[in-house]
Protein backbone atom coordinates (compact mmCIF):
# COMPACT_ATOMS: atom_id res chain seq x y z
CA MET A 1 -26.21 0.13 51.28
CA LEU A 2 -26.92 -3.50 51.93
CA ILE A 3 -23.17 -3.91 52.75
CA SER A 4 -23.14 -0.83 54.68
CA SER A 5 -26.61 -2.26 56.83
CA ILE A 6 -24.53 -5.47 57.60
CA ALA A 7 -21.50 -4.23 58.46
CA PHE A 8 -22.40 -0.82 60.57
CA ARG A 9 -24.90 0.18 63.02
CA GLY A 10 -26.25 3.46 64.70
CA GLN A 11 -24.45 6.70 63.47
CA SER A 12 -21.64 4.91 61.47
CA LEU A 13 -24.56 3.39 59.38
CA ASP A 14 -26.25 6.71 58.91
CA GLU A 15 -22.80 8.15 57.64
CA ALA A 16 -22.28 5.53 55.13
CA LYS A 17 -25.86 5.70 53.88
CA LEU A 18 -25.24 9.28 53.67
CA GLY A 19 -21.98 8.82 51.79
CA VAL A 20 -23.50 6.40 49.02
CA LEU A 21 -26.08 8.75 48.37
CA ALA A 22 -23.70 11.85 48.32
CA ALA A 23 -21.39 9.87 45.70
CA ALA A 24 -24.33 8.75 43.86
CA LEU A 25 -25.58 12.39 43.41
CA ILE A 26 -21.83 14.00 42.93
CA ALA A 27 -21.28 11.05 40.24
CA THR A 28 -24.65 12.10 38.38
CA VAL A 29 -24.22 15.84 38.46
CA GLY A 30 -20.60 15.58 37.22
CA GLY A 31 -21.58 12.92 34.49
CA TRP A 32 -24.34 15.61 33.63
CA ALA A 33 -21.97 18.59 33.58
CA ALA A 34 -19.11 16.59 31.36
CA PHE A 35 -21.90 16.05 28.82
CA ARG A 36 -22.89 19.70 28.69
CA VAL A 37 -19.65 21.21 28.47
CA ILE A 38 -18.91 18.55 25.54
CA ARG A 39 -21.84 19.25 23.66
CA ARG A 40 -21.41 22.95 23.75
CA LEU A 41 -17.83 22.55 22.11
CA PRO A 42 -17.93 23.46 18.32
CA PRO A 43 -18.23 20.41 15.88
CA GLU A 44 -14.74 20.96 14.71
CA VAL A 45 -13.21 20.63 18.14
CA ARG A 46 -15.12 17.73 19.00
CA ALA A 47 -14.16 15.71 16.01
CA ARG A 48 -10.38 16.93 16.46
CA GLN A 49 -10.50 15.56 19.86
CA ILE A 50 -12.01 12.37 18.99
CA SER A 51 -9.87 12.01 16.01
CA ARG A 52 -6.47 12.43 18.24
CA THR A 53 -7.55 9.44 20.59
CA ALA A 54 -7.84 6.51 17.97
CA ASP A 55 -4.69 4.27 17.99
CA ASP A 56 -3.91 1.96 15.32
CA LEU A 57 -5.59 -1.49 15.94
CA VAL A 58 -3.13 -4.03 16.58
CA ASP A 59 -4.10 -7.45 14.74
CA LEU A 60 -2.62 -10.20 17.01
CA SER A 61 -4.38 -13.01 15.49
CA ASP A 62 -3.08 -15.17 12.81
CA ASP A 63 -4.01 -15.00 9.31
CA VAL A 64 -6.79 -17.56 8.50
CA ASP A 65 -6.29 -20.06 5.31
CA PRO A 66 -9.54 -19.88 3.53
CA ALA A 67 -9.01 -23.45 2.27
CA CYS A 68 -9.04 -24.61 5.82
CA SER A 69 -12.18 -24.76 7.81
CA HIS A 70 -12.63 -23.70 11.52
CA HIS A 71 -11.92 -27.45 12.39
CA CYS A 72 -8.28 -27.21 11.29
CA SER A 73 -7.55 -24.42 13.38
CA LEU A 74 -9.15 -26.12 16.47
CA ALA A 75 -7.23 -29.13 15.79
CA MET A 76 -3.97 -26.86 15.61
CA THR A 77 -4.68 -25.33 18.63
CA PHE A 78 -5.17 -28.68 20.79
CA ALA A 79 -2.43 -30.31 19.15
CA PRO A 80 0.58 -31.34 21.76
């Protein structure tokens, strides 16, 4: 609303304020409704849906040599 009060005047300002308030209300009601629907699902269905969305994590970092301290890895990072 701060930006709209700087950018608009008169009826345009009123419409912008109404749009911001309507968007906030719609988002709140939509989020509430989504959580209510999800809560009403049987636990087995919710567990099945959650398990299908988990992908395997890919480890992109190099393995750390336990014999070397963190200073060695920093030295290798900044080496030319």
